[in-house]
C-alpha atoms as a PDB file:
ATOM      1  CA  MET A   1     -10.239 -38.424  12.996  1.00  0.00           C
ATOM      2  CA  TRP A   2     -12.609 -36.867  15.229  1.00  0.00           C
ATOM      3  CA  LEU A   3     -11.489 -33.620  17.229  1.00  0.00           C
ATOM      4  CA  PRO A   4     -12.941 -33.563  20.798  1.00  0.00           C
ATOM      5  CA  ASN A   5     -15.013 -30.052  20.767  1.00  0.00           C
ATOM      6  CA  ALA A   6     -14.099 -29.125  17.206  1.00  0.00           C
ATOM      7  CA  GLN A   7     -15.824 -25.728  16.078  1.00  0.00           C
ATOM      8  CA  SER A   8     -15.584 -23.315  13.608  1.00  0.00           C
ATOM      9  CA  HIS A   9     -15.671 -19.922  15.588  1.00  0.00           C
ATOM     10  CA  ARG A  10     -14.141 -16.054  15.338  1.00  0.00           C
ATOM     11  CA  THR A  11     -13.036 -13.056  17.172  1.00  0.00           C
ATOM     12  CA  HIS A  12     -12.839  -9.594  16.056  1.00  0.00           C
ATOM     13  CA  ASN A  13     -11.122  -7.425  18.538  1.00  0.00           C
ATOM     14  CA  ALA A  14     -10.820  -3.367  17.305  1.00  0.00           C
ATOM     15  CA  MET A  15      -9.758   0.206  18.741  1.00  0.00           C
ATOM     16  CA  GLU A  16     -11.382   3.133  17.054  1.00  0.00           C
ATOM     17  CA  LEU A  17     -10.208   6.551  17.472  1.00  0.00           C
ATOM     18  CA  GLN A  18     -12.165   9.329  15.466  1.00  0.00           C
ATOM     19  CA  VAL A  19     -12.202  12.973  15.142  1.00  0.00           C
ATOM     20  CA  SER A  20     -15.265  15.057  13.322  1.00  0.00           C
ATOM     21  CA  ARG A  21     -15.516  18.490  12.975  1.00  0.00           C
ATOM     22  CA  ARG A  22     -19.740  18.961  11.950  1.00  0.00           C
ATOM     23  CA  TYR A  23     -20.391  21.157   9.198  1.00  0.00           C
ATOM     24  CA  THR A  24     -19.845  24.840  10.697  1.00  0.00           C
ATOM     25  CA  ASN A  25     -18.676  28.018   8.176  1.00  0.00           C
ATOM     26  CA  GLY A  26     -19.149  25.598   5.349  1.00  0.00           C
ATOM     27  CA  TRP A  27     -16.978  22.903   6.128  1.00  0.00           C
ATOM     28  CA  PHE A  28     -16.701  19.363   8.273  1.00  0.00           C
ATOM     29  CA  GLY A  29     -14.858  16.392   8.186  1.00  0.00           C
ATOM     30  CA  THR A  30     -13.826  13.056   9.859  1.00  0.00           C
ATOM     31  CA  VAL A  31     -10.541  11.436  10.393  1.00  0.00           C
ATOM     32  CA  SER A  32     -10.673   8.015  11.642  1.00  0.00           C
ATOM     33  CA  TYR A  33      -7.815   5.438  12.799  1.00  0.00           C
ATOM     34  CA  VAL A  34      -8.695   2.185  13.559  1.00  0.00           C
ATOM     35  CA  TYR A  35      -6.553  -1.190  14.709  1.00  0.00           C
ATOM     36  CA  SER A  36      -8.043  -4.244  14.563  1.00  0.00           C
ATOM     37  CA  LYS A  37      -7.443  -8.331  14.743  1.00  0.00           C
ATOM     38  CA  SER A  38      -9.737 -11.174  13.308  1.00  0.00           C
ATOM     39  CA  ARG A  39      -8.646 -14.469  14.119  1.00  0.00           C
ATOM     40  CA  GLN A  40     -11.188 -17.699  13.420  1.00  0.00           C
ATOM     41  CA  LEU A  41     -10.595 -21.475  13.750  1.00  0.00           C
ATOM     42  CA  LEU A  42     -10.855 -23.426  10.566  1.00  0.00           C
ATOM     43  CA  ARG A  43     -11.491 -21.717   7.526  1.00  0.00           C
ATOM     44  CA  SER A  44     -12.997 -18.323   7.106  1.00  0.00           C
ATOM     45  CA  ALA A  45     -14.149 -18.829   4.046  1.00  0.00           C
ATOM     46  CA  GLU A  46     -14.737 -22.291   1.592  1.00  0.00           C
ATOM     47  CA  HIS A  47     -11.623 -21.457  -1.093  1.00  0.00           C
ATOM     48  CA  GLY A  48     -13.725 -23.342  -4.062  1.00  0.00           C
ATOM     49  CA  ARG A  49     -13.073 -22.375  -7.748  1.00  0.00           C
ATOM     50  CA  ASP A  50     -10.670 -19.455  -7.595  1.00  0.00           C
ATOM     51  CA  PRO A  51     -12.618 -16.596  -8.842  1.00  0.00           C
ATOM     52  CA  ARG A  52     -10.192 -14.065 -10.235  1.00  0.00           C
ATOM     53  CA  PRO A  53      -9.708 -13.936 -14.245  1.00  0.00           C
ATOM     54  CA  THR A  54      -6.423 -15.795 -14.777  1.00  0.00           C
ATOM     55  CA  ILE A  55      -9.163 -19.055 -14.437  1.00  0.00           C
ATOM     56  CA  GLY A  56     -12.695 -17.568 -15.357  1.00  0.00           C
ATOM     57  CA  THR A  57     -14.249 -19.732 -12.941  1.00  0.00           C
ATOM     58  CA  SER A  58     -16.166 -18.981  -9.515  1.00  0.00           C
ATOM     59  CA  PHE A  59     -19.086 -19.168  -7.120  1.00  0.00           C
ATOM     60  CA  THR A  60     -20.705 -16.503  -8.321  1.00  0.00           C
ATOM     61  CA  GLY A  61     -23.981 -14.534  -7.167  1.00  0.00           C
ATOM     62  CA  SER A  62     -26.193 -11.426  -8.661  1.00  0.00           C
ATOM     63  CA  ALA A  63     -25.487  -9.078  -5.804  1.00  0.00           C
ATOM     64  CA  VAL A  64     -21.395  -9.911  -6.048  1.00  0.00           C
ATOM     65  CA  ARG A  65     -19.024  -9.822  -9.433  1.00  0.00           C
ATOM     66  CA  TRP A  66     -16.412 -12.274  -8.165  1.00  0.00           C
ATOM     67  CA  ALA A  67     -16.263 -14.426  -4.990  1.00  0.00           C
ATOM     68  CA  GLU A  68     -13.529 -16.012  -2.909  1.00  0.00           C
ATOM     69  CA  HIS A  69     -16.075 -18.315  -1.058  1.00  0.00           C
ATOM     70  CA  ARG A  70     -19.528 -20.543  -1.743  1.00  0.00           C
ATOM     71  CA  PRO A  71     -22.419 -17.691  -0.996  1.00  0.00           C
ATOM     72  CA  GLY A  72     -24.511 -19.253   1.892  1.00  0.00           C
ATOM     73  CA  GLY A  73     -22.899 -19.298   5.568  1.00  0.00           C
ATOM     74  CA  ASN A  74     -23.405 -22.504   6.295  1.00  0.00           C
ATOM     75  CA  ALA A  75     -22.240 -23.968   2.988  1.00  0.00           C
ATOM     76  CA  ASN A  76     -18.595 -24.941   3.834  1.00  0.00           C
ATOM     77  CA  ARG A  77     -16.037 -27.546   4.346  1.00  0.00           C
ATOM     78  CA  SER A  78     -14.632 -26.949   7.185  1.00  0.00           C
ATOM     79  CA  PHE A  79     -15.558 -30.550   8.812  1.00  0.00           C
ATOM     80  CA  ASP A  80     -15.601 -33.104   5.175  1.00  0.00           C
ATOM     81  CA  LEU A  81     -12.281 -34.349   5.265  1.00  0.00           C
ATOM     82  CA  ASP A  82      -9.606 -34.793   8.373  1.00  0.00           C
ATOM     83  CA  GLU A  83      -6.985 -33.217   5.410  1.00  0.00           C
ATOM     84  CA  ILE A  84      -8.600 -29.646   5.833  1.00  0.00           C
ATOM     85  CA  LEU A  85      -8.277 -29.905  10.121  1.00  0.00           C
ATOM     86  CA  PHE A  86      -4.385 -29.916   9.883  1.00  0.00           C
ATOM     87  CA  ASP A  87      -1.371 -28.575   8.966  1.00  0.00           C
ATOM     88  CA  ALA A  88       1.694 -30.229   7.625  1.00  0.00           C
ATOM     89  CA  HIS A  89       3.022 -29.725  10.604  1.00  0.00           C
ATOM     90  CA  GLY A  90       0.498 -32.050  12.122  1.00  0.00           C
ATOM     91  CA  ASN A  91      -0.872 -28.993  14.261  1.00  0.00           C
ATOM     92  CA  PRO A  92      -4.796 -29.338  14.579  1.00  0.00           C
ATOM     93  CA  GLY A  93      -7.263 -26.209  14.035  1.00  0.00           C
ATOM     94  CA  LEU A  94      -5.389 -23.590  11.884  1.00  0.00           C
ATOM     95  CA  GLU A  95      -6.499 -21.394  14.150  1.00  0.00           C
ATOM     96  CA  GLY A  96      -5.219 -17.765  12.445  1.00  0.00           C
ATOM     97  CA  ARG A  97      -5.976 -14.106  10.928  1.00  0.00           C
ATOM     98  CA  LEU A  98      -8.855 -14.011   8.474  1.00  0.00           C
ATOM     99  CA  ALA A  99      -8.472 -13.966   4.871  1.00  0.00           C
ATOM    100  CA  THR A 100     -10.229 -10.304   5.263  1.00  0.00           C
ATOM    101  CA  ASP A 101      -8.087  -9.290   8.480  1.00  0.00           C
ATOM    102  CA  ARG A 102      -6.609  -5.555   8.070  1.00  0.00           C
ATOM    103  CA  PRO A 103      -4.774  -4.070  11.220  1.00  0.00           C
ATOM    104  CA  HIS A 104      -4.480  -0.661   9.869  1.00  0.00           C
ATOM    105  CA  VAL A 105      -6.603   0.795   8.609  1.00  0.00           C
ATOM    106  CA  PHE A 106      -7.191   5.066   8.510  1.00  0.00           C
ATOM    107  CA  LYS A 107      -9.426   7.295   6.887  1.00  0.00           C
ATOM    108  CA  LEU A 108     -10.268  11.036   6.507  1.00  0.00           C
ATOM    109  CA  TYR A 109     -12.735  12.475   4.863  1.00  0.00           C
ATOM    110  CA  GLY A 110     -14.346  16.128   4.379  1.00  0.00           C
ATOM    111  CA  GLY A 111     -15.606  18.706   2.351  1.00  0.00           C
ATOM    112  CA  LYS A 112     -15.977  22.642   1.445  1.00  0.00           C
ATOM    113  CA  SER A 113     -18.921  24.557   0.514  1.00  0.00           C
ATOM    114  CA  PHE A 114     -17.825  28.514  -0.249  1.00  0.00           C
ATOM    115  CA  ARG A 115     -20.274  31.000  -0.769  1.00  0.00           C
ATOM    116  CA  PHE A 116     -19.638  31.125  -4.908  1.00  0.00           C
ATOM    117  CA  GLY A 117     -21.537  28.053  -4.912  1.00  0.00           C
ATOM    118  CA  THR A 118     -18.333  26.102  -5.664  1.00  0.00           C
ATOM    119  CA  GLU A 119     -17.929  22.496  -3.694  1.00  0.00           C
ATOM    120  CA  ILE A 120     -15.172  20.335  -3.260  1.00  0.00           C
ATOM    121  CA  GLY A 121     -15.114  17.051  -0.549  1.00  0.00           C
ATOM    122  CA  THR A 122     -12.606  14.560  -0.459  1.00  0.00           C
ATOM    123  CA  PHE A 123     -12.030  10.582   0.435  1.00  0.00           C
ATOM    124  CA  PHE A 124      -8.765   9.090   1.363  1.00  0.00           C
ATOM    125  CA  ARG A 125      -8.052   5.516   2.740  1.00  0.00           C
ATOM    126  CA  ALA A 126      -5.127   3.815   3.863  1.00  0.00           C
ATOM    127  CA  MET A 127      -5.259   0.266   5.212  1.00  0.00           C
ATOM    128  CA  SER A 128      -3.402  -3.125   5.685  1.00  0.00           C
ATOM    129  CA  GLY A 129      -3.140  -5.989   2.886  1.00  0.00           C
ATOM    130  CA  THR A 130      -4.767  -8.804   3.641  1.00  0.00           C
ATOM    131  CA  PRO A 131      -2.951 -11.908   4.846  1.00  0.00           C
ATOM    132  CA  ILE A 132      -1.999 -14.658   2.260  1.00  0.00           C
ATOM    133  CA  THR A 133      -2.086 -18.224   3.061  1.00  0.00           C
ATOM    134  CA  THR A 134      -0.447 -20.568   0.632  1.00  0.00           C
ATOM    135  CA  THR A 135      -3.046 -23.192  -0.781  1.00  0.00           C
ATOM    136  CA  VAL A 136      -2.137 -27.182  -1.898  1.00  0.00           C
ATOM    137  CA  TRP A 137      -4.694 -29.183  -3.428  1.00  0.00           C
ATOM    138  CA  THR A 138      -5.177 -32.264  -2.499  1.00  0.00           C
ATOM    139  CA  VAL A 139      -6.830 -34.681  -5.289  1.00  0.00           C
ATOM    140  CA  ASN A 140     -10.418 -34.606  -3.242  1.00  0.00           C
ATOM    141  CA  GLY A 141     -10.441 -31.180  -4.813  1.00  0.00           C
ATOM    142  CA  ILE A 142      -9.774 -29.620  -1.353  1.00  0.00           C
ATOM    143  CA  GLY A 143      -6.997 -26.353  -1.032  1.00  0.00           C
ATOM    144  CA  VAL A 144      -5.341 -27.538   2.438  1.00  0.00           C
ATOM    145  CA  TYR A 145      -3.464 -24.587   4.259  1.00  0.00           C
ATOM    146  CA  PRO A 146       0.366 -26.919   4.560  1.00  0.00           C
ATOM    147  CA  GLU A 147       2.141 -23.809   6.326  1.00  0.00           C
ATOM    148  CA  GLY A 148      -1.399 -22.436   8.556  1.00  0.00           C
ATOM    149  CA  ARG A 149      -2.662 -19.262   7.567  1.00  0.00           C
ATOM    150  CA  GLY A 150      -0.827 -16.221   6.771  1.00  0.00           C
ATOM    151  CA  ASP A 151       2.696 -18.000   5.806  1.00  0.00           C
ATOM    152  CA  ALA A 152       3.342 -16.307   2.308  1.00  0.00           C
ATOM    153  CA  GLY A 153       2.785 -12.241   3.876  1.00  0.00           C
ATOM    154  CA  ARG A 154       0.268 -10.047   2.697  1.00  0.00           C
ATOM    155  CA  ASN A 155      -0.712  -7.835  -0.031  1.00  0.00           C
ATOM    156  CA  PRO A 156       0.207  -4.493  -0.620  1.00  0.00           C
ATOM    157  CA  PHE A 157      -0.233  -1.822   1.667  1.00  0.00           C
ATOM    158  CA  PHE A 158      -3.234  -0.235  -0.223  1.00  0.00           C
ATOM    159  CA  THR A 159      -4.038   3.416  -0.495  1.00  0.00           C
ATOM    160  CA  GLN A 160      -6.585   5.339  -2.878  1.00  0.00           C
ATOM    161  CA  THR A 161      -7.872   9.009  -2.791  1.00  0.00           C
ATOM    162  CA  ASP A 162     -11.418  10.633  -4.509  1.00  0.00           C
ATOM    163  CA  LEU A 163     -12.090  14.138  -4.824  1.00  0.00           C
ATOM    164  CA  MET A 164     -15.649  15.605  -5.908  1.00  0.00           C
ATOM    165  CA  VAL A 165     -15.446  19.196  -7.211  1.00  0.00           C
ATOM    166  CA  ALA A 166     -19.087  20.965  -7.982  1.00  0.00           C
ATOM    167  CA  HIS A 167     -20.371  24.026  -8.849  1.00  0.00           C
ATOM    168  CA  ASN A 168     -24.043  25.393  -8.588  1.00  0.00           C
ATOM    169  CA  VAL A 169     -25.141  28.110 -11.283  1.00  0.00           C
ATOM    170  CA  SER A 170     -28.278  30.281  -9.935  1.00  0.00           C
ATOM    171  CA  LEU A 171     -31.566  30.418 -12.323  1.00  0.00           C
ATOM    172  CA  GLY A 172     -33.590  32.612 -10.015  1.00  0.00           C
ATOM    173  CA  GLU A 173     -34.801  32.441  -6.291  1.00  0.00           C
ATOM    174  CA  SER A 174     -35.432  28.653  -7.084  1.00  0.00           C
ATOM    175  CA  LYS A 175     -33.779  26.974  -9.295  1.00  0.00           C
ATOM    176  CA  LYS A 176     -30.199  26.258 -10.778  1.00  0.00           C
ATOM    177  CA  ILE A 177     -27.795  24.153 -12.386  1.00  0.00           C
ATOM    178  CA  ARG A 178     -25.380  21.874 -10.956  1.00  0.00           C
ATOM    179  CA  PHE A 179     -22.026  20.598 -12.502  1.00  0.00           C
ATOM    180  CA  GLU A 180     -20.217  18.117 -10.829  1.00  0.00           C
ATOM    181  CA  PHE A 181     -17.476  16.097 -11.549  1.00  0.00           C
ATOM    182  CA  ASN A 182     -16.375  13.051  -9.398  1.00  0.00           C
ATOM    183  CA  LEU A 183     -12.571  11.588  -9.386  1.00  0.00           C
ATOM    184  CA  ASP A 184     -12.113   8.099  -8.234  1.00  0.00           C
ATOM    185  CA  ASN A 185      -8.428   6.165  -7.696  1.00  0.00           C
ATOM    186  CA  LEU A 186      -7.256  10.407  -8.489  1.00  0.00           C
ATOM    187  CA  PHE A 187      -3.917   9.671  -8.265  1.00  0.00           C
ATOM    188  CA  ASN A 188      -4.322   6.243 -10.476  1.00  0.00           C
ATOM    189  CA  GLN A 189      -2.667   3.771  -8.421  1.00  0.00           C
ATOM    190  CA  LYS A 190      -3.419   0.112  -9.071  1.00  0.00           C
ATOM    191  CA  THR A 191      -2.651  -1.773  -6.237  1.00  0.00           C
ATOM    192  CA  SER A 192      -2.767  -5.351  -5.998  1.00  0.00           C
ATOM    193  CA  MET A 193      -5.354  -6.337  -4.207  1.00  0.00           C
ATOM    194  CA  TYR A 194      -4.722 -10.042  -4.230  1.00  0.00           C
ATOM    195  CA  ASN A 195      -1.883 -12.318  -4.898  1.00  0.00           C
ATOM    196  CA  PHE A 196      -2.665 -15.785  -6.353  1.00  0.00           C
ATOM    197  CA  PRO A 197      -1.772 -17.892  -3.479  1.00  0.00           C
ATOM    198  CA  ASN A 198      -1.797 -21.557  -5.060  1.00  0.00           C
ATOM    199  CA  TYR A 199       0.740 -23.056  -4.543  1.00  0.00           C
ATOM    200  CA  ASN A 200       0.300 -26.120  -7.298  1.00  0.00           C
ATOM    201  CA  LYS A 201      -1.729 -26.413 -10.612  1.00  0.00           C
ATOM    202  CA  GLU A 202      -5.353 -26.772  -9.724  1.00  0.00           C
ATOM    203  CA  GLU A 203      -7.162 -26.533 -12.991  1.00  0.00           C
ATOM    204  CA  ARG A 204      -4.668 -29.648 -14.170  1.00  0.00           C
ATOM    205  CA  GLY A 205      -6.306 -32.064 -11.610  1.00  0.00           C
ATOM    206  CA  ALA A 206      -5.021 -35.340  -9.895  1.00  0.00           C
ATOM    207  CA  SER A 207      -1.609 -34.861 -12.466  1.00  0.00           C
ATOM    208  CA  SER A 208      -0.402 -31.777 -10.048  1.00  0.00           C
ATOM    209  CA  GLU A 209      -2.462 -32.531  -6.491  1.00  0.00           C
ATOM    210  CA  ILE A 210      -1.208 -34.140  -3.769  1.00  0.00           C
ATOM    211  CA  ASN A 211      -2.887 -37.348  -2.249  1.00  0.00           C
ATOM    212  CA  LEU A 212      -2.993 -37.162   1.779  1.00  0.00           C
ATOM    213  CA  SER A 213      -4.981 -40.953   1.997  1.00  0.00           C
ATOM    214  CA  GLN A 214      -1.880 -42.924   3.210  1.00  0.00           C
ATOM    215  CA  VAL A 215      -1.157 -39.479   5.264  1.00  0.00           C
ATOM    216  CA  ASP A 216      -1.137 -39.469   9.469  1.00  0.00           C
ATOM    217  CA  LEU A 217      -1.992 -36.162   9.135  1.00  0.00           C
ATOM    218  CA  SER A 218      -0.988 -35.973  13.458  1.00  0.00           C
ATOM    219  CA  GLN A 219       2.083 -36.845  12.049  1.00  0.00           C
ATOM    220  CA  GLY A 220       2.741 -33.825   9.309  1.00  0.00           C
ATOM    221  CA  TYR A 221       3.801 -34.943   5.968  1.00  0.00           C
ATOM    222  CA  ASP A 222       6.437 -33.252   3.338  1.00  0.00           C
ATOM    223  CA  TRP A 223       3.799 -31.938   1.272  1.00  0.00           C
ATOM    224  CA  ARG A 224       7.006 -30.166  -1.612  1.00  0.00           C
ATOM    225  CA  GLN A 225       8.070 -34.368  -1.993  1.00  0.00           C
ATOM    226  CA  LEU A 226       4.387 -35.953  -2.217  1.00  0.00           C
ATOM    227  CA  LEU A 227       3.776 -32.430  -4.930  1.00  0.00           C
ATOM    228  CA  SER A 228       7.268 -34.135  -6.758  1.00  0.00           C
ATOM    229  CA  GLU A 229       5.805 -37.190  -6.601  1.00  0.00           C
ATOM    230  CA  THR A 230       2.859 -36.237  -8.455  1.00  0.00           C
ATOM    231  CA  PRO A 231       2.645 -36.884 -12.382  1.00  0.00           C
ATOM    232  CA  ASP A 232       3.504 -33.620 -13.584  1.00  0.00           C
ATOM    233  CA  GLY A 233       6.235 -33.758 -10.884  1.00  0.00           C
ATOM    234  CA  GLU A 234       8.194 -30.466 -10.699  1.00  0.00           C
ATOM    235  CA  PHE A 235       5.887 -28.802 -13.398  1.00  0.00           C
ATOM    236  CA  ALA A 236       3.111 -29.176 -10.441  1.00  0.00           C
ATOM    237  CA  LYS A 237       4.311 -26.013  -9.194  1.00  0.00           C
ATOM    238  CA  ASP A 238       1.716 -23.353 -10.572  1.00  0.00           C
ATOM    239  CA  PRO A 239       4.019 -19.909 -11.977  1.00  0.00           C
ATOM    240  CA  ARG A 240       1.407 -17.554 -11.093  1.00  0.00           C
ATOM    241  CA  TYR A 241       2.042 -18.364  -7.191  1.00  0.00           C
ATOM    242  CA  LEU A 242       2.391 -15.532  -5.368  1.00  0.00           C
ATOM    243  CA  LYS A 243       2.085 -12.688  -8.479  1.00  0.00           C
ATOM    244  CA  GLY A 244      -0.630 -10.242  -8.381  1.00  0.00           C
ATOM    245  CA  ALA A 245      -4.097 -11.703  -9.905  1.00  0.00           C
ATOM    246  CA  LEU A 246      -6.597  -8.467  -8.740  1.00  0.00           C
ATOM    247  CA  PHE A 247      -5.517  -4.917  -9.032  1.00  0.00           C
ATOM    248  CA  ASN A 248      -7.546  -1.846  -8.349  1.00  0.00           C
ATOM    249  CA  PRO A 249      -9.117  -0.316 -11.160  1.00  0.00           C
ATOM    250  CA  GLY A 250      -7.202   2.726 -12.385  1.00  0.00           C
ATOM    251  CA  PHE A 251      -8.542   6.495 -12.154  1.00  0.00           C
ATOM    252  CA  GLN A 252     -12.615   6.835 -12.810  1.00  0.00           C
ATOM    253  CA  GLY A 253     -14.128  10.125 -13.587  1.00  0.00           C
ATOM    254  CA  ARG A 254     -17.941  10.963 -14.186  1.00  0.00           C
ATOM    255  CA  PHE A 255     -19.221  14.194 -15.120  1.00  0.00           C
ATOM    256  CA  LEU A 256     -22.692  15.042 -13.926  1.00  0.00           C
ATOM    257  CA  VAL A 257     -25.264  18.070 -15.091  1.00  0.00           C
ATOM    258  CA  LYS A 258     -28.289  18.435 -12.899  1.00  0.00           C
ATOM    259  CA  PHE A 259     -30.915  20.541 -12.977  1.00  0.00           C
ATOM    260  CA  ILE A 260     -32.396  21.373  -9.695  1.00  0.00           C
ATOM    261  CA  PHE A 261     -36.024  23.280  -9.558  1.00  0.00           C
END
């Protein structure tokens, strides 16, 4: 099926409010708030094999620990097959919020230097969770979005506080020793960063995947009925659906001793 003027495009609109204090009398700070909307026609990324440790396979690159997409901006499947272009209600395009969309982002960072050599710095951030889109896998090895983008809500609201405490000990006119302690995720907030979006079991292959080859996509389809007709039937549903699969690491601390001359 050919869609006139079909193309993949994205828009990002944002408003930022920021208040900063320059370094004066030993302290500085910045507070910022960003409200934004990120939308795209078709797909924000090619969701290949799920990168989380529940499956253990991923598209990888030298600079990333895991990837939700295939590296390379020109490698995607947006127009490979018609089934990618429609939701289960016959709507073409699948325009909606990007998988990285965070409408509200608040940040605060600052520091204070005391005359006796101690320094304290902090960084706090709070942001909306990213959208969750129900993904149903087909026998063509493609994850489709039958209910459109963001139908399953959002991942939990994310907050994290980091703290740095340091003290400098002078050793004469030009030498000193610096003791520094960095505390990442001070309050040990292990927020879920990613809830599993796959409704059916991708690893099972065709036995759990729906077949859209005989479906008029422009008229819509009952994807739950098609799923019940697979060889796995009621067992085709993935028990991990909408459960947390990737969590923010807990508290981490680093201690540094540095000789400055």
